[in-house]
């Protein structure tokens, strides 16, 4: 029997995430513009969050294999790396420092390989998602508890950053003088929300801690029980 998602009350972390979403625009008005430049503080924080998401995914893979959620974790790790590479403009963000001239030649040699490499990786992600049916752990986790506040923040930050860039016929960049800072704040918050969604999925799949003196029956994989 298929269960409907549980609309459980949001936790403190989710409400803090929602408060941070409301603070993005006011913060963009007071933060230094230098924080939002290519390779600036906000972009560095984004890469830090993305790197943390990748590390947590790899740790979950090592802990959960051979369960199906391990393949979901292994699938998620290169997604985090792709997002980090995009934020760093595939290395061009590092070319503004003192060593920029030295690194420029290397970047020019690597740049033609970036798009084909990303295309191959994306194709592998699609095929592996279909082959390993990684939607199973996702459906099982969301049927247990739907992180609706986090998903709302994730959607709102995606729309905010897209509009701040002037895409989708929504030109906030023409209206908001600090559109670039607002965009970077939205992206940073969106990546934090994505990490929280990953945490919800992984925590649902974690095996229960054994209680001393209690005899447990055969283990049941969560996605198979759903």
N, C-alpha and C. Protein backbone atom coordinates (compact mmCIF):
# COMPACT_ATOMS: atom_id res chain seq x y z
N UNK A 1 0.85 -1.20 0.00
CA UNK A 1 0.00 0.00 0.00
C UNK A 1 0.88 1.25 0.00
N UNK A 2 0.63 2.16 -0.91
CA UNK A 2 1.45 3.36 -1.04
C UNK A 2 1.05 4.38 0.01
N UNK A 3 2.05 4.91 0.70
CA UNK A 3 1.79 5.89 1.73
C UNK A 3 1.93 7.30 1.17
N UNK A 4 1.11 8.21 1.68
CA UNK A 4 1.21 9.60 1.27
C UNK A 4 2.32 10.27 2.07
N UNK A 5 2.96 11.32 1.51
CA UNK A 5 4.03 11.99 2.23
C UNK A 5 3.54 12.56 3.55
N UNK A 6 4.42 12.51 4.56
CA UNK A 6 4.09 13.05 5.87
C UNK A 6 4.47 14.52 5.92
N UNK A 7 3.48 15.37 6.12
CA UNK A 7 3.72 16.81 6.20
C UNK A 7 4.03 17.16 7.66
N UNK A 8 5.15 16.66 8.15
CA UNK A 8 5.53 16.87 9.54
C UNK A 8 5.94 18.33 9.74
N UNK A 9 5.76 18.84 10.98
CA UNK A 9 6.18 20.21 11.25
C UNK A 9 7.67 20.40 10.98
N UNK A 10 8.02 21.56 10.47
CA UNK A 10 9.42 21.83 10.16
C UNK A 10 10.24 21.99 11.43
N UNK A 11 11.51 21.62 11.35
CA UNK A 11 12.41 21.77 12.48
C UNK A 11 13.00 23.17 12.54
N UNK A 12 13.81 23.40 13.57
CA UNK A 12 14.40 24.73 13.74
C UNK A 12 15.32 25.09 12.58
N UNK A 13 16.07 24.10 12.10
CA UNK A 13 16.96 24.37 10.98
C UNK A 13 16.23 24.83 9.74
N UNK A 14 15.05 24.24 9.49
CA UNK A 14 14.27 24.62 8.31
C UNK A 14 13.68 26.02 8.46
N UNK A 15 13.22 26.34 9.67
CA UNK A 15 12.71 27.70 9.87
C UNK A 15 13.84 28.72 9.79
N UNK A 16 15.03 28.36 10.26
CA UNK A 16 16.18 29.25 10.12
C UNK A 16 16.52 29.46 8.65
N UNK A 17 16.37 28.41 7.85
CA UNK A 17 16.60 28.51 6.42
C UNK A 17 15.59 29.46 5.78
N UNK A 18 14.34 29.37 6.21
CA UNK A 18 13.30 30.26 5.69
C UNK A 18 13.57 31.71 6.09
N UNK A 19 14.04 31.92 7.32
CA UNK A 19 14.39 33.28 7.76
C UNK A 19 15.56 33.83 6.96
N UNK A 20 16.53 32.97 6.65
CA UNK A 20 17.67 33.39 5.83
C UNK A 20 17.22 33.78 4.43
N UNK A 21 16.21 33.08 3.91
CA UNK A 21 15.67 33.42 2.59
C UNK A 21 15.08 34.83 2.61
N UNK A 22 14.33 35.14 3.66
CA UNK A 22 13.74 36.48 3.77
C UNK A 22 14.80 37.56 3.94
N UNK A 23 15.96 37.18 4.47
CA UNK A 23 17.02 38.16 4.71
C UNK A 23 17.94 38.36 3.52
N UNK A 24 17.77 37.58 2.46
CA UNK A 24 18.70 37.67 1.32
C UNK A 24 18.72 39.06 0.70
N UNK A 25 17.53 39.62 0.43
CA UNK A 25 17.51 40.93 -0.23
C UNK A 25 18.03 42.04 0.68
N UNK A 26 17.55 42.14 1.95
CA UNK A 26 18.13 43.18 2.81
C UNK A 26 19.64 43.04 2.97
N UNK A 27 20.12 41.80 3.06
CA UNK A 27 21.57 41.60 3.22
C UNK A 27 22.33 42.05 1.98
N UNK A 28 21.72 41.87 0.81
CA UNK A 28 22.40 42.27 -0.43
C UNK A 28 22.61 43.78 -0.51
N UNK A 29 21.81 44.53 0.24
CA UNK A 29 21.92 46.00 0.21
C UNK A 29 23.06 46.52 1.08
N UNK A 30 23.49 45.72 2.06
CA UNK A 30 24.49 46.20 3.00
C UNK A 30 25.84 45.50 2.87
N UNK A 31 25.86 44.33 2.25
CA UNK A 31 27.12 43.61 2.12
C UNK A 31 28.02 44.28 1.08
N UNK A 32 29.34 44.23 1.24
CA UNK A 32 30.25 44.82 0.26
C UNK A 32 30.10 44.17 -1.11
N UNK A 33 30.15 44.98 -2.15
CA UNK A 33 30.01 44.45 -3.51
C UNK A 33 31.16 43.52 -3.87
N UNK A 34 32.31 43.69 -3.22
CA UNK A 34 33.46 42.84 -3.53
C UNK A 34 33.22 41.38 -3.14
N UNK A 35 32.29 41.15 -2.22
CA UNK A 35 32.00 39.78 -1.80
C UNK A 35 31.36 38.97 -2.92
N UNK A 36 30.71 39.65 -3.86
CA UNK A 36 29.97 38.93 -4.91
C UNK A 36 30.75 38.81 -6.21
N UNK A 37 31.98 39.27 -6.25
CA UNK A 37 32.74 39.19 -7.50
C UNK A 37 33.17 37.75 -7.77
N UNK A 38 33.67 37.52 -8.97
CA UNK A 38 34.16 36.19 -9.36
C UNK A 38 35.29 35.76 -8.44
N UNK A 39 35.11 34.60 -7.78
CA UNK A 39 36.11 34.12 -6.84
C UNK A 39 36.09 34.85 -5.52
N UNK A 40 35.01 35.61 -5.24
CA UNK A 40 34.90 36.35 -3.99
C UNK A 40 34.47 35.48 -2.82
N UNK A 41 34.15 36.15 -1.70
CA UNK A 41 33.83 35.42 -0.48
C UNK A 41 32.58 34.57 -0.62
N UNK A 42 31.52 35.12 -1.20
CA UNK A 42 30.27 34.36 -1.33
C UNK A 42 30.45 33.15 -2.22
N UNK A 43 31.18 33.32 -3.31
CA UNK A 43 31.42 32.18 -4.20
C UNK A 43 32.29 31.13 -3.53
N UNK A 44 33.24 31.56 -2.73
CA UNK A 44 34.08 30.61 -1.99
C UNK A 44 33.26 29.83 -0.98
N UNK A 45 32.31 30.50 -0.32
CA UNK A 45 31.43 29.81 0.61
C UNK A 45 30.55 28.80 -0.12
N UNK A 46 30.11 29.15 -1.32
CA UNK A 46 29.31 28.21 -2.11
C UNK A 46 30.10 26.95 -2.41
N UNK A 47 31.35 27.12 -2.83
CA UNK A 47 32.20 25.97 -3.14
C UNK A 47 32.45 25.14 -1.89
N UNK A 48 32.58 25.80 -0.74
CA UNK A 48 32.78 25.08 0.52
C UNK A 48 31.57 24.21 0.84
N UNK A 49 30.36 24.76 0.67
CA UNK A 49 29.14 23.99 0.92
C UNK A 49 29.03 22.83 -0.06
N UNK A 50 29.33 23.08 -1.33
CA UNK A 50 29.27 22.02 -2.34
C UNK A 50 30.29 20.92 -2.06
N UNK A 51 31.48 21.31 -1.62
CA UNK A 51 32.48 20.32 -1.26
C UNK A 51 32.04 19.47 -0.08
N UNK A 52 31.40 20.12 0.91
CA UNK A 52 30.89 19.37 2.06
C UNK A 52 29.82 18.38 1.63
N UNK A 53 28.95 18.79 0.72
CA UNK A 53 27.92 17.88 0.21
C UNK A 53 28.52 16.68 -0.48
N UNK A 54 29.59 16.89 -1.24
CA UNK A 54 30.27 15.79 -1.92
C UNK A 54 30.91 14.83 -0.93
N UNK A 55 31.59 15.37 0.08
CA UNK A 55 32.24 14.53 1.09
C UNK A 55 31.22 13.70 1.85
N UNK A 56 30.10 14.32 2.25
CA UNK A 56 29.06 13.59 2.97
C UNK A 56 28.46 12.49 2.11
N UNK A 57 28.31 12.76 0.82
CA UNK A 57 27.77 11.73 -0.07
C UNK A 57 28.73 10.54 -0.17
N UNK A 58 30.03 10.82 -0.28
CA UNK A 58 31.01 9.73 -0.36
C UNK A 58 31.07 8.93 0.94
N UNK A 59 30.96 9.62 2.08
CA UNK A 59 30.95 8.92 3.36
C UNK A 59 29.72 8.02 3.48
N UNK A 60 28.58 8.52 3.00
CA UNK A 60 27.37 7.70 3.03
C UNK A 60 27.53 6.49 2.13
N UNK A 61 28.18 6.66 0.99
CA UNK A 61 28.41 5.52 0.09
C UNK A 61 29.24 4.44 0.77
N UNK A 62 30.31 4.85 1.44
CA UNK A 62 31.18 3.89 2.11
C UNK A 62 30.46 3.18 3.25
N UNK A 63 29.55 3.88 3.91
CA UNK A 63 28.87 3.30 5.07
C UNK A 63 27.69 2.42 4.66
N UNK A 64 26.99 2.78 3.60
CA UNK A 64 25.73 2.11 3.28
C UNK A 64 25.84 0.98 2.27
N UNK A 65 26.94 0.89 1.52
CA UNK A 65 27.01 -0.16 0.50
C UNK A 65 26.89 -1.53 1.15
N UNK A 66 26.24 -2.50 0.52
CA UNK A 66 25.76 -2.51 -0.87
C UNK A 66 24.29 -2.12 -1.03
N UNK A 67 23.70 -1.41 -0.07
CA UNK A 67 22.30 -1.01 -0.19
C UNK A 67 22.12 -0.04 -1.35
N UNK A 68 20.87 0.10 -1.81
CA UNK A 68 20.60 0.94 -2.96
C UNK A 68 20.91 2.41 -2.68
N UNK A 69 20.75 2.82 -1.41
CA UNK A 69 21.05 4.21 -1.08
C UNK A 69 22.53 4.52 -1.28
N UNK A 70 23.39 3.50 -1.22
CA UNK A 70 24.81 3.73 -1.48
C UNK A 70 25.03 4.20 -2.91
N UNK A 71 24.27 3.63 -3.85
CA UNK A 71 24.40 4.06 -5.24
C UNK A 71 23.85 5.47 -5.42
N UNK A 72 22.81 5.83 -4.66
CA UNK A 72 22.32 7.20 -4.69
C UNK A 72 23.39 8.16 -4.20
N UNK A 73 24.09 7.79 -3.13
CA UNK A 73 25.16 8.63 -2.60
C UNK A 73 26.30 8.76 -3.60
N UNK A 74 26.68 7.63 -4.23
CA UNK A 74 27.74 7.67 -5.24
C UNK A 74 27.31 8.50 -6.44
N UNK A 75 26.03 8.47 -6.77
CA UNK A 75 25.50 9.27 -7.88
C UNK A 75 25.53 10.76 -7.53
N UNK A 76 25.27 11.09 -6.26
CA UNK A 76 25.19 12.49 -5.86
C UNK A 76 26.56 13.16 -5.82
N UNK A 77 27.62 12.39 -5.52
CA UNK A 77 28.95 12.99 -5.35
C UNK A 77 29.41 13.77 -6.58
N UNK A 78 29.37 13.21 -7.80
CA UNK A 78 29.80 14.00 -8.96
C UNK A 78 28.87 15.16 -9.28
N UNK A 79 27.61 15.09 -8.84
CA UNK A 79 26.71 16.23 -9.04
C UNK A 79 27.22 17.44 -8.26
N UNK A 80 27.64 17.19 -7.01
CA UNK A 80 28.22 18.27 -6.22
C UNK A 80 29.48 18.83 -6.89
N UNK A 81 30.30 17.95 -7.46
CA UNK A 81 31.53 18.41 -8.12
C UNK A 81 31.22 19.24 -9.36
N UNK A 82 30.19 18.83 -10.11
CA UNK A 82 29.80 19.61 -11.28
C UNK A 82 29.34 21.00 -10.88
N UNK A 83 28.55 21.09 -9.82
CA UNK A 83 28.08 22.39 -9.35
C UNK A 83 29.24 23.25 -8.87
N UNK A 84 30.21 22.63 -8.18
CA UNK A 84 31.38 23.38 -7.73
C UNK A 84 32.20 23.88 -8.91
N UNK A 85 32.38 23.02 -9.92
CA UNK A 85 33.10 23.44 -11.12
C UNK A 85 32.42 24.59 -11.83
N UNK A 86 31.09 24.56 -11.86
CA UNK A 86 30.34 25.65 -12.49
C UNK A 86 30.55 26.95 -11.72
N UNK A 87 30.53 26.89 -10.39
CA UNK A 87 30.71 28.10 -9.60
C UNK A 87 32.11 28.69 -9.77
N UNK A 88 33.08 27.82 -9.98
CA UNK A 88 34.46 28.29 -10.18
C UNK A 88 34.76 28.60 -11.64
N UNK A 89 33.71 28.56 -12.48
CA UNK A 89 33.89 28.79 -13.92
C UNK A 89 34.95 27.87 -14.49
N UNK A 90 34.96 26.63 -13.96
CA UNK A 90 35.89 25.60 -14.43
C UNK A 90 37.35 26.04 -14.32
N UNK A 91 37.66 26.76 -13.22
CA UNK A 91 39.04 27.15 -12.95
C UNK A 91 39.36 28.59 -13.29
N UNK A 92 38.52 29.24 -14.08
CA UNK A 92 38.83 30.62 -14.47
C UNK A 92 38.74 31.57 -13.29
N UNK A 93 37.99 31.19 -12.24
CA UNK A 93 37.88 32.06 -11.08
C UNK A 93 39.20 32.22 -10.35
N UNK A 94 40.14 31.30 -10.56
CA UNK A 94 41.43 31.37 -9.89
C UNK A 94 42.45 32.18 -10.68
N UNK A 95 42.09 32.64 -11.84
CA UNK A 95 43.08 33.30 -12.71
C UNK A 95 43.28 34.77 -12.38
N UNK A 96 42.54 35.30 -11.40
CA UNK A 96 42.67 36.72 -11.09
C UNK A 96 43.76 37.00 -10.06
N UNK A 97 44.36 35.97 -9.48
CA UNK A 97 45.39 36.16 -8.47
C UNK A 97 46.75 36.43 -9.09
N UNK A 98 47.79 36.50 -8.24
CA UNK A 98 49.15 36.74 -8.74
C UNK A 98 49.65 35.66 -9.68
N UNK A 99 49.17 34.44 -9.49
CA UNK A 99 49.62 33.35 -10.35
C UNK A 99 48.74 33.19 -11.58
N UNK A 100 47.93 34.20 -11.86
CA UNK A 100 46.97 34.09 -12.96
C UNK A 100 47.62 33.87 -14.30
N UNK A 101 48.72 34.57 -14.58
CA UNK A 101 49.36 34.42 -15.88
C UNK A 101 49.92 33.01 -16.06
N UNK A 102 50.44 32.43 -14.97
CA UNK A 102 50.99 31.07 -15.06
C UNK A 102 49.89 30.05 -15.30
N UNK A 103 48.74 30.25 -14.62
CA UNK A 103 47.65 29.29 -14.72
C UNK A 103 46.84 29.46 -16.00
N UNK A 104 46.95 30.62 -16.63
CA UNK A 104 46.13 30.89 -17.82
C UNK A 104 46.43 29.90 -18.94
N UNK A 105 47.70 29.59 -19.13
CA UNK A 105 48.06 28.66 -20.21
C UNK A 105 47.47 27.28 -19.95
N UNK A 106 47.52 26.83 -18.69
CA UNK A 106 46.94 25.53 -18.35
C UNK A 106 45.43 25.55 -18.55
N UNK A 107 44.79 26.65 -18.16
CA UNK A 107 43.33 26.75 -18.31
C UNK A 107 42.92 26.71 -19.77
N UNK A 108 43.70 27.34 -20.63
CA UNK A 108 43.37 27.33 -22.05
C UNK A 108 43.47 25.92 -22.63
N UNK A 109 44.39 25.10 -22.11
CA UNK A 109 44.52 23.73 -22.59
C UNK A 109 43.38 22.85 -22.09
N UNK A 110 42.92 23.10 -20.87
CA UNK A 110 41.88 22.26 -20.27
C UNK A 110 40.49 22.66 -20.74
N UNK A 111 40.28 23.95 -21.02
CA UNK A 111 38.93 24.45 -21.31
C UNK A 111 38.21 23.70 -22.43
N UNK A 112 38.86 23.32 -23.55
CA UNK A 112 38.13 22.58 -24.59
C UNK A 112 37.62 21.22 -24.12
N UNK A 113 38.19 20.68 -23.04
CA UNK A 113 37.76 19.37 -22.55
C UNK A 113 36.62 19.45 -21.54
N UNK A 114 36.32 20.67 -21.08
CA UNK A 114 35.34 20.82 -20.00
C UNK A 114 33.95 20.41 -20.45
N UNK A 115 33.47 20.98 -21.56
CA UNK A 115 32.10 20.68 -22.00
C UNK A 115 31.92 19.22 -22.41
N UNK A 116 32.84 18.63 -23.21
CA UNK A 116 32.68 17.20 -23.50
C UNK A 116 32.74 16.33 -22.25
N UNK A 117 33.64 16.67 -21.33
CA UNK A 117 33.74 15.90 -20.09
C UNK A 117 32.48 16.00 -19.26
N UNK A 118 31.92 17.22 -19.16
CA UNK A 118 30.67 17.39 -18.41
C UNK A 118 29.52 16.66 -19.08
N UNK A 119 29.51 16.65 -20.43
CA UNK A 119 28.44 15.94 -21.15
C UNK A 119 28.52 14.43 -20.90
N UNK A 120 29.74 13.88 -20.91
CA UNK A 120 29.91 12.45 -20.63
C UNK A 120 29.47 12.12 -19.21
N UNK A 121 29.84 12.98 -18.27
CA UNK A 121 29.46 12.74 -16.88
C UNK A 121 27.95 12.82 -16.69
N UNK A 122 27.31 13.79 -17.35
CA UNK A 122 25.85 13.91 -17.26
C UNK A 122 25.17 12.69 -17.86
N UNK A 123 25.70 12.19 -18.98
CA UNK A 123 25.12 10.99 -19.59
C UNK A 123 25.25 9.80 -18.65
N UNK A 124 26.41 9.67 -18.00
CA UNK A 124 26.58 8.59 -17.03
C UNK A 124 25.61 8.72 -15.87
N UNK A 125 25.38 9.96 -15.41
CA UNK A 125 24.45 10.18 -14.30
C UNK A 125 23.04 9.74 -14.67
N UNK A 126 22.61 10.09 -15.88
CA UNK A 126 21.26 9.71 -16.31
C UNK A 126 21.13 8.20 -16.42
N UNK A 127 22.11 7.56 -17.07
CA UNK A 127 22.04 6.11 -17.26
C UNK A 127 22.13 5.36 -15.93
N UNK A 128 23.00 5.81 -15.04
CA UNK A 128 23.13 5.13 -13.75
C UNK A 128 21.90 5.34 -12.89
N UNK A 129 21.26 6.51 -13.01
CA UNK A 129 20.03 6.74 -12.25
C UNK A 129 18.94 5.78 -12.68
N UNK A 130 18.86 5.51 -13.99
CA UNK A 130 17.86 4.58 -14.49
C UNK A 130 18.22 3.14 -14.15
N UNK A 131 19.50 2.80 -14.27
CA UNK A 131 19.92 1.40 -14.06
C UNK A 131 19.80 0.99 -12.59
N UNK A 132 20.25 1.86 -11.69
CA UNK A 132 20.26 1.51 -10.27
C UNK A 132 18.97 1.91 -9.55
N UNK A 133 18.04 2.54 -10.27
CA UNK A 133 16.75 2.93 -9.69
C UNK A 133 16.95 3.71 -8.39
N UNK A 134 17.72 4.77 -8.49
CA UNK A 134 18.02 5.55 -7.29
C UNK A 134 16.82 6.36 -6.81
N UNK A 135 15.72 6.33 -7.59
CA UNK A 135 14.52 7.00 -7.13
C UNK A 135 13.89 6.28 -5.94
N UNK A 136 14.24 5.00 -5.73
CA UNK A 136 13.68 4.24 -4.62
C UNK A 136 13.95 4.86 -3.26
N UNK A 137 15.22 5.13 -2.91
CA UNK A 137 15.50 5.78 -1.63
C UNK A 137 14.86 7.16 -1.51
N UNK A 138 14.77 7.90 -2.61
CA UNK A 138 14.14 9.22 -2.56
C UNK A 138 12.66 9.11 -2.22
N UNK A 139 11.96 8.21 -2.90
CA UNK A 139 10.53 8.04 -2.63
C UNK A 139 10.30 7.53 -1.22
N UNK A 140 11.17 6.62 -0.76
CA UNK A 140 11.02 6.09 0.59
C UNK A 140 11.22 7.18 1.65
N UNK A 141 12.24 8.02 1.45
CA UNK A 141 12.51 9.08 2.42
C UNK A 141 11.40 10.12 2.44
N UNK A 142 10.91 10.51 1.26
CA UNK A 142 9.88 11.54 1.20
C UNK A 142 8.52 11.03 1.63
N UNK A 143 8.29 9.71 1.52
CA UNK A 143 7.05 9.16 2.05
C UNK A 143 7.08 9.12 3.57
N UNK A 144 8.29 9.07 4.13
CA UNK A 144 8.44 9.09 5.58
C UNK A 144 8.28 10.51 6.12
N UNK A 145 8.95 11.45 5.47
CA UNK A 145 8.84 12.85 5.88
C UNK A 145 9.22 13.74 4.72
N UNK A 146 8.33 14.62 4.32
CA UNK A 146 8.59 15.54 3.22
C UNK A 146 9.13 16.85 3.77
N UNK A 147 10.39 17.20 3.47
CA UNK A 147 10.95 18.46 3.97
C UNK A 147 10.44 19.65 3.17
N UNK A 148 9.17 19.97 3.37
CA UNK A 148 8.51 20.93 2.48
C UNK A 148 9.10 22.33 2.59
N UNK A 149 9.50 22.75 3.79
CA UNK A 149 10.09 24.09 3.93
C UNK A 149 11.41 24.18 3.17
N UNK A 150 12.23 23.15 3.29
CA UNK A 150 13.51 23.13 2.59
C UNK A 150 13.31 23.13 1.08
N UNK A 151 12.33 22.38 0.60
CA UNK A 151 12.05 22.35 -0.84
C UNK A 151 11.53 23.70 -1.33
N UNK A 152 10.71 24.37 -0.52
CA UNK A 152 10.23 25.71 -0.89
C UNK A 152 11.39 26.68 -0.99
N UNK A 153 12.30 26.64 -0.02
CA UNK A 153 13.48 27.51 -0.04
C UNK A 153 14.35 27.20 -1.25
N UNK A 154 14.51 25.92 -1.56
CA UNK A 154 15.31 25.51 -2.72
C UNK A 154 14.73 26.07 -4.01
N UNK A 155 13.41 25.97 -4.16
CA UNK A 155 12.76 26.50 -5.35
C UNK A 155 12.85 28.02 -5.41
N UNK A 156 12.63 28.68 -4.27
CA UNK A 156 12.66 30.14 -4.23
C UNK A 156 14.05 30.68 -4.54
N UNK A 157 15.08 30.04 -4.02
CA UNK A 157 16.44 30.52 -4.30
C UNK A 157 16.83 30.29 -5.76
N UNK A 158 16.36 29.19 -6.33
CA UNK A 158 16.63 28.94 -7.76
C UNK A 158 15.98 30.02 -8.62
N UNK A 159 14.74 30.37 -8.29
CA UNK A 159 14.05 31.42 -9.04
C UNK A 159 14.70 32.78 -8.81
N UNK A 160 15.10 33.04 -7.56
CA UNK A 160 15.71 34.33 -7.25
C UNK A 160 17.03 34.54 -7.97
N UNK A 161 17.89 33.52 -7.97
CA UNK A 161 19.17 33.66 -8.66
C UNK A 161 19.00 33.75 -10.17
N UNK A 162 18.02 33.00 -10.70
CA UNK A 162 17.76 33.05 -12.14
C UNK A 162 17.27 34.42 -12.57
N UNK A 163 16.35 34.99 -11.80
CA UNK A 163 15.83 36.32 -12.13
C UNK A 163 16.89 37.40 -11.95
N UNK A 164 17.74 37.24 -10.94
CA UNK A 164 18.79 38.23 -10.71
C UNK A 164 19.82 38.23 -11.83
N UNK A 165 19.95 37.09 -12.54
CA UNK A 165 20.85 37.02 -13.69
C UNK A 165 20.20 37.56 -14.95
N UNK A 166 18.88 37.83 -14.90
CA UNK A 166 18.18 38.35 -16.06
C UNK A 166 17.64 37.30 -16.99
N UNK A 167 17.48 36.06 -16.52
CA UNK A 167 16.96 34.99 -17.35
C UNK A 167 15.44 34.88 -17.18
N UNK A 168 14.82 34.04 -18.02
CA UNK A 168 13.38 33.75 -17.96
C UNK A 168 12.53 35.03 -18.06
N UNK A 169 13.03 36.00 -18.83
CA UNK A 169 12.31 37.27 -19.03
C UNK A 169 12.01 37.97 -17.72
N UNK A 170 12.84 37.72 -16.72
CA UNK A 170 12.66 38.36 -15.41
C UNK A 170 13.95 39.11 -15.10
N UNK A 171 13.96 40.39 -15.36
CA UNK A 171 15.20 41.16 -15.31
C UNK A 171 15.29 41.94 -13.99
N UNK A 172 15.52 41.21 -12.90
CA UNK A 172 15.75 41.87 -11.63
C UNK A 172 17.05 42.66 -11.64
N UNK A 173 17.96 42.26 -12.54
CA UNK A 173 19.23 42.97 -12.62
C UNK A 173 19.06 44.41 -13.07
N UNK A 174 17.92 44.73 -13.70
CA UNK A 174 17.65 46.10 -14.13
C UNK A 174 16.96 46.92 -13.04
N UNK A 175 16.43 46.23 -12.04
CA UNK A 175 15.66 46.90 -10.99
C UNK A 175 16.44 47.00 -9.70
N UNK A 176 17.15 45.93 -9.35
CA UNK A 176 17.89 45.88 -8.10
C UNK A 176 19.34 46.28 -8.35
N UNK A 177 19.83 47.33 -7.70
CA UNK A 177 21.22 47.74 -7.94
C UNK A 177 22.25 46.73 -7.44
N UNK A 178 21.85 45.91 -6.48
CA UNK A 178 22.77 44.91 -5.92
C UNK A 178 22.36 43.51 -6.37
N UNK A 179 21.97 43.38 -7.63
CA UNK A 179 21.45 42.10 -8.13
C UNK A 179 22.50 40.99 -8.05
N UNK A 180 23.76 41.32 -8.30
CA UNK A 180 24.79 40.28 -8.28
C UNK A 180 24.97 39.71 -6.88
N UNK A 181 24.98 40.59 -5.87
CA UNK A 181 25.09 40.11 -4.49
C UNK A 181 23.87 39.28 -4.11
N UNK A 182 22.68 39.74 -4.52
CA UNK A 182 21.46 38.99 -4.24
C UNK A 182 21.51 37.61 -4.89
N UNK A 183 22.01 37.56 -6.11
CA UNK A 183 22.13 36.28 -6.82
C UNK A 183 23.05 35.32 -6.08
N UNK A 184 24.20 35.82 -5.65
CA UNK A 184 25.16 34.95 -4.96
C UNK A 184 24.61 34.48 -3.62
N UNK A 185 23.88 35.34 -2.92
CA UNK A 185 23.27 34.93 -1.65
C UNK A 185 22.22 33.85 -1.87
N UNK A 186 21.41 34.02 -2.92
CA UNK A 186 20.39 33.01 -3.24
C UNK A 186 21.04 31.67 -3.57
N UNK A 187 22.11 31.70 -4.34
CA UNK A 187 22.78 30.46 -4.70
C UNK A 187 23.39 29.79 -3.47
N UNK A 188 24.00 30.58 -2.60
CA UNK A 188 24.58 30.02 -1.38
C UNK A 188 23.51 29.35 -0.52
N UNK A 189 22.39 30.03 -0.34
CA UNK A 189 21.31 29.47 0.46
C UNK A 189 20.70 28.25 -0.22
N UNK A 190 20.61 28.28 -1.54
CA UNK A 190 20.08 27.14 -2.27
C UNK A 190 20.94 25.90 -2.11
N UNK A 191 22.26 26.07 -2.10
CA UNK A 191 23.15 24.93 -1.91
C UNK A 191 23.05 24.38 -0.49
N UNK A 192 22.87 25.28 0.49
CA UNK A 192 22.66 24.82 1.86
C UNK A 192 21.37 24.00 1.95
N UNK A 193 20.30 24.49 1.28
CA UNK A 193 19.03 23.75 1.27
C UNK A 193 19.20 22.39 0.60
N UNK A 194 19.98 22.34 -0.47
CA UNK A 194 20.21 21.06 -1.16
C UNK A 194 20.95 20.08 -0.25
N UNK A 195 21.90 20.59 0.54
CA UNK A 195 22.59 19.74 1.52
C UNK A 195 21.61 19.20 2.55
N UNK A 196 20.66 20.03 2.97
CA UNK A 196 19.69 19.59 3.96
C UNK A 196 18.76 18.53 3.39
N UNK A 197 18.38 18.66 2.12
CA UNK A 197 17.56 17.63 1.48
C UNK A 197 18.33 16.31 1.42
N UNK A 198 19.61 16.38 1.04
CA UNK A 198 20.43 15.18 1.02
C UNK A 198 20.51 14.55 2.41
N UNK A 199 20.63 15.38 3.44
CA UNK A 199 20.70 14.88 4.81
C UNK A 199 19.42 14.15 5.19
N UNK A 200 18.27 14.70 4.81
CA UNK A 200 16.99 14.05 5.12
C UNK A 200 16.93 12.67 4.47
N UNK A 201 17.33 12.58 3.21
CA UNK A 201 17.28 11.30 2.50
C UNK A 201 18.23 10.29 3.13
N UNK A 202 19.45 10.72 3.43
CA UNK A 202 20.44 9.80 3.98
C UNK A 202 20.08 9.35 5.39
N UNK A 203 19.58 10.27 6.22
CA UNK A 203 19.25 9.91 7.59
C UNK A 203 18.11 8.90 7.64
N UNK A 204 17.20 8.98 6.68
CA UNK A 204 16.11 8.00 6.64
C UNK A 204 16.63 6.60 6.35
N UNK A 205 17.76 6.51 5.65
CA UNK A 205 18.29 5.21 5.26
C UNK A 205 19.30 4.66 6.26
N UNK A 206 19.66 5.44 7.28
CA UNK A 206 20.65 4.98 8.24
C UNK A 206 20.09 3.83 9.07
N UNK A 207 20.87 2.76 9.28
CA UNK A 207 20.38 1.65 10.11
C UNK A 207 20.19 2.09 11.56
N UNK A 208 19.18 1.52 12.21
CA UNK A 208 18.91 1.85 13.59
C UNK A 208 20.02 1.34 14.50
N UNK A 209 20.32 2.12 15.55
CA UNK A 209 21.35 1.70 16.49
C UNK A 209 20.83 0.54 17.35
N UNK A 210 21.64 -0.51 17.51
CA UNK A 210 21.19 -1.65 18.31
C UNK A 210 21.03 -1.28 19.78
N UNK A 211 19.97 -1.80 20.40
CA UNK A 211 19.71 -1.58 21.82
C UNK A 211 20.18 -2.80 22.58
N UNK A 212 21.01 -2.63 23.62
CA UNK A 212 21.52 -3.78 24.38
C UNK A 212 20.38 -4.61 24.96
N UNK A 213 20.48 -5.93 24.80
CA UNK A 213 19.50 -6.83 25.36
C UNK A 213 18.28 -7.07 24.50
N UNK A 214 18.21 -6.40 23.35
CA UNK A 214 17.06 -6.54 22.45
C UNK A 214 17.49 -7.35 21.24
N UNK A 215 16.75 -8.41 20.95
CA UNK A 215 17.05 -9.24 19.79
C UNK A 215 16.29 -8.70 18.60
N UNK A 216 17.00 -8.37 17.53
CA UNK A 216 16.40 -7.78 16.35
C UNK A 216 16.11 -8.85 15.31
N UNK A 217 15.05 -8.68 14.58
CA UNK A 217 14.72 -9.56 13.47
C UNK A 217 15.55 -9.22 12.26
N UNK A 218 15.29 -9.89 11.15
CA UNK A 218 16.05 -9.61 9.92
C UNK A 218 15.88 -8.16 9.50
N UNK A 219 16.97 -7.56 9.06
CA UNK A 219 16.94 -6.16 8.64
C UNK A 219 16.11 -6.01 7.38
N UNK A 220 15.38 -4.91 7.30
CA UNK A 220 14.56 -4.61 6.13
C UNK A 220 15.07 -3.32 5.53
N UNK A 221 15.41 -3.34 4.27
CA UNK A 221 15.87 -2.14 3.59
C UNK A 221 14.71 -1.17 3.46
N UNK A 222 14.86 0.13 3.89
CA UNK A 222 13.73 1.05 3.91
C UNK A 222 13.01 1.19 2.59
N UNK A 223 13.77 1.28 1.46
CA UNK A 223 13.09 1.50 0.20
C UNK A 223 12.33 0.28 -0.27
N UNK A 224 12.73 -0.91 0.22
CA UNK A 224 12.01 -2.12 -0.15
C UNK A 224 10.75 -2.29 0.68
N UNK A 225 10.76 -1.68 1.89
CA UNK A 225 9.59 -1.80 2.74
C UNK A 225 8.50 -0.85 2.32
N UNK A 226 8.87 0.23 1.59
CA UNK A 226 7.87 1.23 1.21
C UNK A 226 6.95 0.69 0.15
